[in-house]
């Protein structure tokens, strides 16, 4: 006959929680979307995630989840596995070099409960120094309810605190730099950016039609969940999305960035303006989809370059 403690263990249902926030470099528990991980092969893993039906910044549109929520999930996946599967010490800096994704917009539909995702990850080009990973590429297939939601890849480099401090040459004090950042300039209109809230707009108008100043609000509760010493990659991806929308604001907010390919060439700093330029690219896609090229320039050099495919969801 089972004792009471043993019976309690058998009857207790399986419980789900998020991974520790420290593993994904987040301060707020509400911004952690990953729920677990396991090894599935040589340099292969399965990571689980859950998306809320609504979010304060990754705002659902056209009854579908925001693709930037996918990007944040990818970002967290890279950090989680770096720390847990490859023993990267906490406190090391992880810097993106390239992010790519392509998604199925129909699989982004919001259901009657939070979306449960499985991310099948394969790591390649893993480089280490004294058994600590210094760089790698992660290839990801995101599956939802047995259907492929997206394919993605991220390439990144890891820096120890000492190496990062030398690399940043006096710019590694995140709290000081965040607090001393200039006030953000006035934003473009909500209709141009395709965002409902002024605070979420990351572009500011200039005298040139398809050129904007990057708008950096270091008090933003999601983009700056904690102090940073440079403009975060997620803000730059949001700039790509908003620039793509700004080329055709007449769509009324129905445009979704169904794919992106972004290369990060240097850190974007707080103390100098970063200019965002966009142009439509003739790609023969036609119909509801069009390709857009977006560049970010700071100090006369390309800080990031990107292409994105904007899909008119009213026609899908």
Protein backbone atom coordinates (compact mmCIF):
# COMPACT_ATOMS: atom_id res chain seq x y z
CA UNK A 1 0.00 0.00 0.00
CA UNK A 2 1.36 3.44 -0.92
CA UNK A 3 2.18 5.88 1.82
CA UNK A 4 0.65 9.33 1.73
CA UNK A 5 3.84 11.10 0.45
CA UNK A 6 4.28 8.59 -2.39
CA UNK A 7 0.64 8.85 -3.38
CA UNK A 8 0.97 12.65 -3.34
CA UNK A 9 3.90 12.48 -5.80
CA UNK A 10 2.03 10.19 -8.19
CA UNK A 11 -1.20 12.19 -8.14
CA UNK A 12 0.51 15.57 -8.52
CA UNK A 13 -0.01 16.94 -12.06
CA UNK A 14 2.86 18.05 -14.26
CA UNK A 15 3.63 21.73 -13.76
CA UNK A 16 4.94 24.24 -16.27
CA UNK A 17 6.97 27.36 -15.63
CA UNK A 18 9.34 29.59 -17.56
CA UNK A 19 13.09 29.13 -17.68
CA UNK A 20 15.07 31.34 -15.29
CA UNK A 21 15.01 34.93 -16.51
CA UNK A 22 18.78 35.23 -16.08
CA UNK A 23 19.32 32.68 -18.87
CA UNK A 24 17.52 34.89 -21.40
CA UNK A 25 18.87 38.23 -20.11
CA UNK A 26 15.51 39.58 -18.98
CA UNK A 27 14.60 41.40 -15.77
CA UNK A 28 10.82 40.95 -15.91
CA UNK A 29 9.43 37.44 -15.55
CA UNK A 30 6.52 38.48 -17.80
CA UNK A 31 8.99 38.94 -20.69
CA UNK A 32 10.29 35.34 -20.54
CA UNK A 33 8.62 33.21 -23.24
CA UNK A 34 10.64 29.99 -23.03
CA UNK A 35 9.36 27.15 -20.84
CA UNK A 36 12.02 24.42 -21.16
CA UNK A 37 14.63 22.64 -23.24
CA UNK A 38 16.16 19.22 -23.81
CA UNK A 39 18.98 17.74 -25.86
CA UNK A 40 17.75 15.81 -28.91
CA UNK A 41 21.05 14.95 -30.63
CA UNK A 42 24.60 16.08 -31.29
CA UNK A 43 24.40 19.90 -31.16
CA UNK A 44 20.63 19.54 -31.49
CA UNK A 45 17.95 20.60 -29.01
CA UNK A 46 14.24 21.11 -28.56
CA UNK A 47 13.14 24.29 -26.79
CA UNK A 48 9.55 24.92 -25.76
CA UNK A 49 7.89 28.32 -25.63
CA UNK A 50 4.54 29.88 -24.92
CA UNK A 51 3.16 33.08 -26.42
CA UNK A 52 0.46 35.11 -24.66
CA UNK A 53 -2.68 35.96 -26.58
CA UNK A 54 -1.93 39.64 -25.97
CA UNK A 55 1.16 41.65 -25.06
CA UNK A 56 1.84 45.28 -24.19
CA UNK A 57 4.44 45.76 -26.96
CA UNK A 58 4.25 42.73 -29.27
CA UNK A 59 0.72 43.76 -30.12
CA UNK A 60 -1.48 41.31 -32.03
CA UNK A 61 -2.82 42.62 -35.33
CA UNK A 62 -5.24 41.12 -37.88
CA UNK A 63 -5.95 38.32 -35.34
CA UNK A 64 -2.35 37.13 -35.61
CA UNK A 65 0.66 37.16 -33.31
CA UNK A 66 3.30 39.81 -33.89
CA UNK A 67 6.35 38.50 -35.84
CA UNK A 68 8.58 40.49 -33.47
CA UNK A 69 7.41 38.07 -30.78
CA UNK A 70 8.99 35.32 -32.89
CA UNK A 71 12.22 37.34 -33.06
CA UNK A 72 12.30 37.81 -29.29
CA UNK A 73 11.69 34.07 -28.84
CA UNK A 74 14.60 33.33 -31.19
CA UNK A 75 16.80 35.74 -29.24
CA UNK A 76 15.92 34.05 -25.97
CA UNK A 77 16.52 30.61 -27.48
CA UNK A 78 20.08 31.55 -28.44
CA UNK A 79 20.85 32.85 -24.97
CA UNK A 80 19.24 29.95 -23.12
CA UNK A 81 21.15 27.25 -24.99
CA UNK A 82 24.42 29.18 -24.85
CA UNK A 83 24.23 29.22 -21.05
CA UNK A 84 22.66 25.83 -20.37
CA UNK A 85 23.83 23.52 -23.17
CA UNK A 86 27.23 25.10 -23.86
CA UNK A 87 28.09 26.35 -20.36
CA UNK A 88 28.56 30.01 -21.27
CA UNK A 89 28.97 31.73 -17.88
CA UNK A 90 26.35 34.25 -16.83
CA UNK A 91 27.73 37.77 -17.22
CA UNK A 92 29.12 37.14 -20.69
CA UNK A 93 27.77 39.36 -23.45
CA UNK A 94 26.03 37.84 -26.49
CA UNK A 95 26.04 39.97 -29.63
CA UNK A 96 24.09 39.19 -32.79
CA UNK A 97 25.87 39.21 -36.14
CA UNK A 98 22.91 38.08 -38.27
CA UNK A 99 19.24 37.19 -37.85
CA UNK A 100 17.03 35.59 -40.50
CA UNK A 101 13.48 34.29 -40.43
CA UNK A 102 10.63 33.39 -42.76
CA UNK A 103 7.20 32.55 -41.36
CA UNK A 104 3.84 31.18 -42.38
CA UNK A 105 1.37 33.98 -41.56
CA UNK A 106 -1.55 31.55 -41.26
CA UNK A 107 0.26 29.68 -38.48
CA UNK A 108 0.51 32.97 -36.54
CA UNK A 109 -3.24 33.06 -35.96
CA UNK A 110 -4.31 33.75 -32.37
CA UNK A 111 -6.30 30.93 -30.84
CA UNK A 112 -8.50 30.58 -27.78
CA UNK A 113 -5.50 29.90 -25.54
CA UNK A 114 -1.80 30.86 -25.46
CA UNK A 115 0.24 29.48 -28.36
CA UNK A 116 2.50 26.52 -27.50
CA UNK A 117 5.65 26.26 -29.65
CA UNK A 118 8.40 23.71 -30.10
CA UNK A 119 11.68 25.09 -31.42
CA UNK A 120 13.91 22.48 -33.03
CA UNK A 121 17.43 23.87 -32.89
CA UNK A 122 20.62 22.70 -34.60
CA UNK A 123 23.88 24.46 -33.81
CA UNK A 124 26.79 24.78 -36.25
CA UNK A 125 30.10 26.62 -36.57
CA UNK A 126 30.55 26.35 -32.81
CA UNK A 127 33.87 27.90 -31.84
CA UNK A 128 35.26 27.65 -28.33
CA UNK A 129 38.17 28.94 -26.26
CA UNK A 130 39.02 26.84 -23.19
CA UNK A 131 35.69 25.02 -23.62
CA UNK A 132 33.73 28.31 -23.52
CA UNK A 133 31.76 29.06 -26.72
CA UNK A 134 32.87 32.26 -28.47
CA UNK A 135 30.56 32.11 -31.49
CA UNK A 136 28.02 29.88 -33.21
CA UNK A 137 25.07 29.75 -35.59
CA UNK A 138 21.71 28.34 -34.57
CA UNK A 139 19.23 27.02 -37.13
CA UNK A 140 15.67 26.90 -35.84
CA UNK A 141 12.41 25.35 -36.99
CA UNK A 142 9.43 26.62 -35.00
CA UNK A 143 6.45 24.25 -34.90
CA UNK A 144 2.97 24.96 -33.59
CA UNK A 145 0.25 22.33 -33.32
CA UNK A 146 2.25 20.03 -35.58
CA UNK A 147 2.59 22.62 -38.37
CA UNK A 148 5.70 24.55 -39.38
CA UNK A 149 5.36 28.13 -38.15
CA UNK A 150 8.75 29.53 -39.15
CA UNK A 151 12.34 28.77 -40.06
CA UNK A 152 15.06 31.01 -38.68
CA UNK A 153 18.76 31.30 -38.00
CA UNK A 154 20.87 33.47 -35.73
CA UNK A 155 24.60 34.00 -35.67
CA UNK A 156 26.25 35.55 -32.64
CA UNK A 157 29.49 36.14 -30.79
CA UNK A 158 30.07 35.82 -27.05
CA UNK A 159 32.37 38.08 -25.03
CA UNK A 160 33.70 37.65 -21.50
CA UNK A 161 33.29 40.73 -19.25
CA UNK A 162 36.97 41.63 -19.62
CA UNK A 163 37.00 41.27 -23.40
CA UNK A 164 33.72 43.17 -23.72
CA UNK A 165 35.03 46.06 -21.63
CA UNK A 166 38.09 46.33 -23.89
CA UNK A 167 35.92 46.07 -26.99
CA UNK A 168 33.60 48.84 -25.84
CA UNK A 169 36.44 51.22 -24.85
CA UNK A 170 34.69 52.98 -21.99
CA UNK A 171 31.14 52.33 -23.20
CA UNK A 172 30.31 49.27 -21.10
CA UNK A 173 28.62 51.05 -18.15
CA UNK A 174 25.02 50.21 -19.06
CA UNK A 175 23.33 52.12 -16.23
CA UNK A 176 25.28 55.33 -16.82
CA UNK A 177 24.85 55.24 -20.59
CA UNK A 178 21.13 54.44 -20.44
CA UNK A 179 20.47 57.23 -17.95
CA UNK A 180 22.51 59.80 -19.89
CA UNK A 181 21.03 58.99 -23.31
CA UNK A 182 19.47 61.99 -25.11
CA UNK A 183 15.72 62.46 -24.94
CA UNK A 184 14.06 60.76 -27.91
CA UNK A 185 12.91 63.11 -30.70
CA UNK A 186 9.28 63.38 -31.70
CA UNK A 187 7.99 60.29 -33.49
CA UNK A 188 6.41 59.88 -36.89
CA UNK A 189 2.64 59.51 -36.81
CA UNK A 190 0.99 56.32 -35.62
CA UNK A 191 -0.38 55.66 -39.10
CA UNK A 192 3.07 55.93 -40.69
CA UNK A 193 4.73 53.60 -38.17
CA UNK A 194 1.82 51.18 -38.01
CA UNK A 195 1.80 51.34 -34.20
CA UNK A 196 -1.06 52.29 -31.91
CA UNK A 197 0.96 53.87 -29.11
CA UNK A 198 3.33 56.83 -29.45
CA UNK A 199 5.75 55.22 -27.01
CA UNK A 200 6.25 52.20 -29.29
CA UNK A 201 7.30 54.26 -32.33
CA UNK A 202 11.05 54.05 -33.03
CA UNK A 203 11.26 56.40 -36.05
CA UNK A 204 11.41 60.20 -36.09
CA UNK A 205 10.75 62.25 -39.26
CA UNK A 206 13.46 64.08 -41.23
CA UNK A 207 13.43 66.42 -44.23
CA UNK A 208 13.93 63.44 -46.56
CA UNK A 209 10.92 61.34 -47.44
CA UNK A 210 12.29 57.84 -46.96
CA UNK A 211 14.81 58.69 -44.26
CA UNK A 212 14.18 58.78 -40.53
CA UNK A 213 16.14 59.22 -37.34
CA UNK A 214 16.14 56.21 -35.06
CA UNK A 215 14.10 57.08 -31.99
CA UNK A 216 15.57 55.53 -28.82
CA UNK A 217 13.58 55.67 -25.60
CA UNK A 218 15.71 54.05 -22.90
CA UNK A 219 12.72 54.20 -20.53
CA UNK A 220 10.68 51.83 -22.70
CA UNK A 221 9.61 48.98 -20.39
CA UNK A 222 10.03 46.18 -22.96
CA UNK A 223 12.76 47.29 -25.38
CA UNK A 224 14.80 48.39 -22.36
CA UNK A 225 13.66 45.76 -19.88
CA UNK A 226 16.98 46.47 -18.10
CA UNK A 227 19.80 49.02 -18.62
CA UNK A 228 21.90 48.52 -21.77
CA UNK A 229 25.06 50.18 -23.04
CA UNK A 230 23.88 50.30 -26.68
CA UNK A 231 20.69 50.19 -28.73
CA UNK A 232 19.36 46.61 -28.54
CA UNK A 233 18.91 44.42 -31.59
CA UNK A 234 15.17 44.07 -30.98
CA UNK A 235 14.75 47.83 -31.31
CA UNK A 236 16.63 47.73 -34.64
CA UNK A 237 14.36 44.92 -35.89
CA UNK A 238 11.38 47.03 -34.90
CA UNK A 239 12.88 49.92 -36.89
CA UNK A 240 13.11 47.65 -39.94
CA UNK A 241 9.45 46.69 -39.52
CA UNK A 242 8.29 50.29 -39.07
CA UNK A 243 10.37 51.56 -42.00
CA UNK A 244 8.86 48.84 -44.20
CA UNK A 245 5.40 49.95 -43.12
CA UNK A 246 6.22 53.64 -43.61
CA UNK A 247 6.83 53.07 -47.32
CA UNK A 248 3.14 52.20 -47.71
CA UNK A 249 1.19 53.57 -44.73
CA UNK A 250 -2.03 53.54 -46.75
CA UNK A 251 -2.32 49.84 -45.88
CA UNK A 252 -3.77 50.97 -42.56
CA UNK A 253 -1.62 48.75 -40.37
CA UNK A 254 -2.32 45.54 -42.27
CA UNK A 255 1.32 44.91 -43.24
CA UNK A 256 3.19 42.04 -41.58
CA UNK A 257 6.97 41.46 -41.93
CA UNK A 258 6.74 37.79 -42.95
CA UNK A 259 10.50 37.51 -43.47
CA UNK A 260 13.66 39.37 -42.52
CA UNK A 261 17.37 39.07 -43.09
CA UNK A 262 19.34 41.48 -40.91
CA UNK A 263 23.12 41.85 -40.59
CA UNK A 264 24.55 43.76 -37.63
CA UNK A 265 27.87 45.40 -38.45
CA UNK A 266 28.52 47.51 -35.36
CA UNK A 267 26.84 48.61 -32.16
CA UNK A 268 24.40 51.51 -32.43
CA UNK A 269 25.32 54.05 -29.75
CA UNK A 270 23.10 56.41 -27.78
CA UNK A 271 25.11 59.61 -28.22
CA UNK A 272 24.96 60.03 -32.00
CA UNK A 273 21.99 59.98 -34.40
CA UNK A 274 21.34 56.81 -36.35
CA UNK A 275 19.64 57.31 -39.71
CA UNK A 276 17.23 54.71 -41.06
CA UNK A 277 16.74 54.59 -44.83
CA UNK A 278 14.29 52.38 -46.73
CA UNK A 279 13.44 51.62 -50.34
CA UNK A 280 11.23 49.15 -52.15
CA UNK A 281 13.10 46.45 -54.02
CA UNK A 282 11.86 45.09 -57.33
CA UNK A 283 11.73 41.37 -56.63
CA UNK A 284 8.98 40.05 -58.83
CA UNK A 285 6.97 39.01 -55.77
CA UNK A 286 3.97 41.14 -56.64
CA UNK A 287 0.44 40.78 -55.28
CA UNK A 288 0.12 41.09 -51.53
CA UNK A 289 3.87 40.94 -50.88
CA UNK A 290 6.72 43.34 -51.54
CA UNK A 291 10.38 43.37 -50.60
CA UNK A 292 11.98 46.32 -48.79
CA UNK A 293 15.63 47.16 -48.16
CA UNK A 294 16.44 49.02 -44.93
CA UNK A 295 19.81 50.44 -43.86
CA UNK A 296 20.88 51.96 -40.56
CA UNK A 297 23.75 54.46 -40.68
CA UNK A 298 25.63 55.99 -37.77
CA UNK A 299 28.84 57.97 -37.95
CA UNK A 300 28.98 57.60 -41.72
CA UNK A 301 29.03 53.77 -41.68
CA UNK A 302 26.42 51.05 -41.98
CA UNK A 303 25.49 49.89 -38.48
CA UNK A 304 23.00 47.36 -39.87
CA UNK A 305 21.57 46.31 -43.23
CA UNK A 306 18.32 44.46 -43.77
CA UNK A 307 15.76 43.19 -46.22
CA UNK A 308 12.21 42.38 -45.24
CA UNK A 309 9.18 41.06 -47.04
CA UNK A 310 6.04 42.97 -46.10
CA UNK A 311 2.80 41.10 -46.63
CA UNK A 312 -0.60 42.79 -46.83
CA UNK A 313 -2.64 40.67 -44.46
CA UNK A 314 -5.93 42.06 -45.75
CA UNK A 315 -5.24 40.10 -48.95
CA UNK A 316 -4.17 36.85 -47.26
